[in-house]
C-alpha cells in the first residue's frame, strides 16, 4: 500500500514541485529585472516606477510559497535529528512520524486560512494603497502553493508511518538523518 504513495510522490509530486520552483525562479528573475529598471528610473531619470514596493511585496508571495513543496521533496527543510539519532530507531521513527503528521495538519490549516482570507478580501474588495492591486488573487495563489505543500507533507507523513512497519521504508525515512 505504501508503494502507491511512494510512486505518487516520485511520479506526480516531484514534477509538480519542480514546476512550482521554476515558477519561483522565473518570478525572482522578473523581480530582479523590475528592481533594476526601477533603480535606473529613480536615479537616472528621477522618475521611479509608481507602486514599485507594492508590486514587489505582492509578487514575493509567489516566490516564497511556490518553493515550499520542492524543498520538502528534496528534504531541504531543516529538521533537527540529533536527539532522534540517540533514541532507539523505532521510537525515533515514531516521533518523526507523529511530528510529520502534526506539520501536515498545520499546513492544511494554513491552506484553509489562505482560502478564507482570500474570500474575505475579495468580499471587502481590499486592494493596495497606491496602484490598487487586488489582494485576493495572491491569497488564492498562496493557497494553491500551500495546498501542494500540504499534499507533499501528507504523503511524507504516510511514508514516515510506514517506516514503523517496514525496514525498506525505515531506510527511506532515516536516509536524510545519517548526515555526519
Protein backbone atom coordinates (compact mmCIF):
# COMPACT_ATOMS: atom_id res chain seq x y z
CA UNK A 1 0.00 0.00 0.00
CA UNK A 2 2.78 2.44 0.88
CA UNK A 3 4.35 1.77 -2.54
CA UNK A 4 1.38 3.60 -4.11
CA UNK A 5 2.24 6.68 -2.07
CA UNK A 6 5.93 6.45 -2.92
CA UNK A 7 5.13 6.18 -6.63
CA UNK A 8 2.69 9.10 -6.34
CA UNK A 9 5.39 11.08 -4.52
CA UNK A 10 8.06 10.33 -7.11
CA UNK A 11 5.94 10.43 -10.30
CA UNK A 12 3.45 13.20 -9.50
CA UNK A 13 4.51 15.37 -6.58
CA UNK A 14 8.18 15.76 -7.54
CA UNK A 15 7.40 17.00 -11.10
CA UNK A 16 4.71 19.36 -9.82
CA UNK A 17 7.04 20.74 -7.17
CA UNK A 18 9.79 21.19 -9.77
CA UNK A 19 7.36 23.15 -11.94
CA UNK A 20 6.48 25.35 -8.98
CA UNK A 21 10.12 26.03 -8.17
CA UNK A 22 10.71 27.02 -11.80
CA UNK A 23 7.83 29.47 -11.46
CA UNK A 24 9.53 30.80 -8.35
CA UNK A 25 12.84 31.20 -10.21
CA UNK A 26 11.23 32.97 -13.17
CA UNK A 27 9.34 35.35 -10.90
CA UNK A 28 12.51 36.02 -8.89
CA UNK A 29 14.40 36.92 -12.07
CA UNK A 30 11.50 39.15 -13.16
CA UNK A 31 11.55 40.91 -9.77
CA UNK A 32 15.32 41.46 -10.04
CA UNK A 33 14.93 42.96 -13.52
CA UNK A 34 11.99 45.07 -12.33
CA UNK A 35 14.06 46.37 -9.39
CA UNK A 36 16.99 47.15 -11.66
CA UNK A 37 14.72 49.11 -14.02
CA UNK A 38 13.18 50.91 -11.04
CA UNK A 39 16.62 51.89 -9.74
CA UNK A 40 17.66 53.23 -13.14
CA UNK A 41 14.38 55.11 -13.48
CA UNK A 42 14.73 56.53 -9.96
CA UNK A 43 18.36 57.69 -10.09
CA UNK A 44 18.91 58.42 -13.78
CA UNK A 45 15.53 59.86 -14.75
CA UNK A 46 14.28 60.91 -11.27
CA UNK A 47 11.06 59.03 -12.01
CA UNK A 48 10.61 55.82 -10.03
CA UNK A 49 8.00 53.28 -11.04
CA UNK A 50 4.73 54.09 -9.30
CA UNK A 51 3.83 51.40 -6.76
CA UNK A 52 7.17 49.61 -7.06
CA UNK A 53 7.15 48.46 -3.45
CA UNK A 54 3.54 47.25 -3.68
CA UNK A 55 4.30 45.24 -6.80
CA UNK A 56 7.36 43.60 -5.25
CA UNK A 57 5.56 42.87 -1.96
CA UNK A 58 2.66 41.11 -3.65
CA UNK A 59 4.85 39.15 -6.06
CA UNK A 60 7.08 37.92 -3.22
CA UNK A 61 4.19 35.65 -2.21
CA UNK A 62 4.75 33.67 -5.41
CA UNK A 63 8.50 33.45 -4.87
CA UNK A 64 8.22 32.22 -1.30
CA UNK A 65 5.29 29.80 -1.28
CA UNK A 66 5.99 28.18 -4.65
CA UNK A 67 9.28 26.80 -3.39
CA UNK A 68 7.99 25.05 -0.23
CA UNK A 69 6.85 21.81 -1.89
CA UNK A 70 10.07 21.43 -3.88
CA UNK A 71 12.22 21.99 -0.82
CA UNK A 72 10.22 19.31 1.02
CA UNK A 73 10.53 16.76 -1.80
CA UNK A 74 14.29 17.32 -1.78
CA UNK A 75 14.41 17.05 2.03
CA UNK A 76 15.83 20.56 2.13
CA UNK A 77 13.85 21.85 5.09
CA UNK A 78 15.77 21.94 8.32
CA UNK A 79 14.93 19.10 10.66
CA UNK A 80 16.96 18.58 13.78
CA UNK A 81 17.55 14.89 14.30
CA UNK A 82 20.45 14.91 16.75
CA UNK A 83 18.10 13.81 19.54
CA UNK A 84 16.35 11.24 17.33
CA UNK A 85 19.67 9.67 16.37
CA UNK A 86 20.31 8.88 20.04
CA UNK A 87 16.95 7.14 20.58
CA UNK A 88 16.03 3.57 19.69
CA UNK A 89 15.32 3.51 15.95
CA UNK A 90 11.59 2.64 16.18
CA UNK A 91 10.95 5.29 18.83
CA UNK A 92 12.79 7.87 16.76
CA UNK A 93 10.75 6.98 13.67
CA UNK A 94 7.54 7.12 15.72
CA UNK A 95 8.37 10.62 16.99
CA UNK A 96 9.39 11.72 13.49
CA UNK A 97 6.16 10.30 12.02
CA UNK A 98 3.99 12.00 14.65
CA UNK A 99 5.80 15.28 14.02
CA UNK A 100 5.23 14.93 10.28
CA UNK A 101 1.50 14.31 10.89
CA UNK A 102 1.26 17.46 13.03
CA UNK A 103 3.08 19.52 10.41
CA UNK A 104 0.84 18.15 7.66
CA UNK A 105 -2.27 19.09 9.65
CA UNK A 106 -0.87 22.58 10.28
CA UNK A 107 -0.15 23.07 6.57
CA UNK A 108 -3.73 22.06 5.71
CA UNK A 109 -4.93 24.65 8.26
CA UNK A 110 -2.71 27.33 6.67
CA UNK A 111 -4.06 26.40 3.22
CA UNK A 112 -7.59 26.75 4.53
CA UNK A 113 -6.64 30.09 6.11
CA UNK A 114 -5.38 31.41 2.78
CA UNK A 115 -8.65 30.45 1.08
CA UNK A 116 -10.71 32.00 3.88
CA UNK A 117 -8.65 35.20 3.83
CA UNK A 118 -8.85 35.32 0.03
CA UNK A 119 -12.64 35.08 0.25
CA UNK A 120 -12.69 37.82 2.89
CA UNK A 121 -10.54 40.31 0.96
CA UNK A 122 -12.49 39.52 -2.21
CA UNK A 123 -15.78 40.39 -0.43
CA UNK A 124 -14.23 43.54 1.06
CA UNK A 125 -12.56 44.43 -2.27
CA UNK A 126 -9.26 45.01 -0.47
CA UNK A 127 -6.61 46.50 -2.73
CA UNK A 128 -3.16 48.02 -2.31
CA UNK A 129 -2.99 51.70 -1.42
CA UNK A 130 -1.18 53.24 -4.39
CA UNK A 131 -1.93 51.30 -7.57
CA UNK A 132 -4.91 49.31 -6.27
CA UNK A 133 -3.64 45.77 -6.81
CA UNK A 134 -6.39 43.41 -5.60
CA UNK A 135 -5.06 41.16 -2.86
CA UNK A 136 -7.43 38.20 -3.25
CA UNK A 137 -5.62 36.52 -6.21
CA UNK A 138 -2.44 36.36 -4.16
CA UNK A 139 -4.23 34.65 -1.28
CA UNK A 140 -5.64 32.08 -3.71
CA UNK A 141 -2.24 31.58 -5.36
CA UNK A 142 -0.75 31.08 -1.90
CA UNK A 143 -3.49 28.58 -1.10
CA UNK A 144 -2.66 26.55 -4.23
CA UNK A 145 1.06 26.52 -3.43
CA UNK A 146 0.43 25.67 0.24
CA UNK A 147 -2.07 23.01 -0.87
CA UNK A 148 0.61 21.29 -2.94
CA UNK A 149 2.99 21.59 0.01
CA UNK A 150 0.31 20.10 2.29
CA UNK A 151 -0.17 17.14 -0.07
CA UNK A 152 3.59 16.54 -0.10
CA UNK A 153 3.62 16.66 3.71
CA UNK A 154 0.64 14.29 3.98
CA UNK A 155 2.29 11.74 1.69
CA UNK A 156 5.56 12.18 3.62
CA UNK A 157 3.66 11.52 6.86
CA UNK A 158 2.15 8.33 5.43
CA UNK A 159 5.58 7.14 4.28
CA UNK A 160 7.06 8.04 7.69
CA UNK A 161 4.36 6.00 9.45
CA UNK A 162 5.19 3.17 7.04
CA UNK A 163 8.74 3.35 8.37
CA UNK A 164 7.43 1.92 11.63
CA UNK A 165 6.36 -1.29 9.90
CA UNK A 166 8.83 -1.87 7.10
CA UNK A 167 12.62 -1.88 7.03
CA UNK A 168 12.56 -0.59 3.42
CA UNK A 169 10.50 2.46 4.41
CA UNK A 170 12.50 2.89 7.59
CA UNK A 171 15.58 3.34 5.40
CA UNK A 172 13.79 5.91 3.24
CA UNK A 173 12.65 7.83 6.32
CA UNK A 174 16.05 7.89 8.01
CA UNK A 175 18.31 8.35 4.96
CA UNK A 176 18.45 12.11 5.47
CA UNK A 177 19.24 11.73 9.18
CA UNK A 178 22.54 9.98 8.78
CA UNK A 179 24.49 13.03 7.72
CA UNK A 180 27.78 13.28 9.55
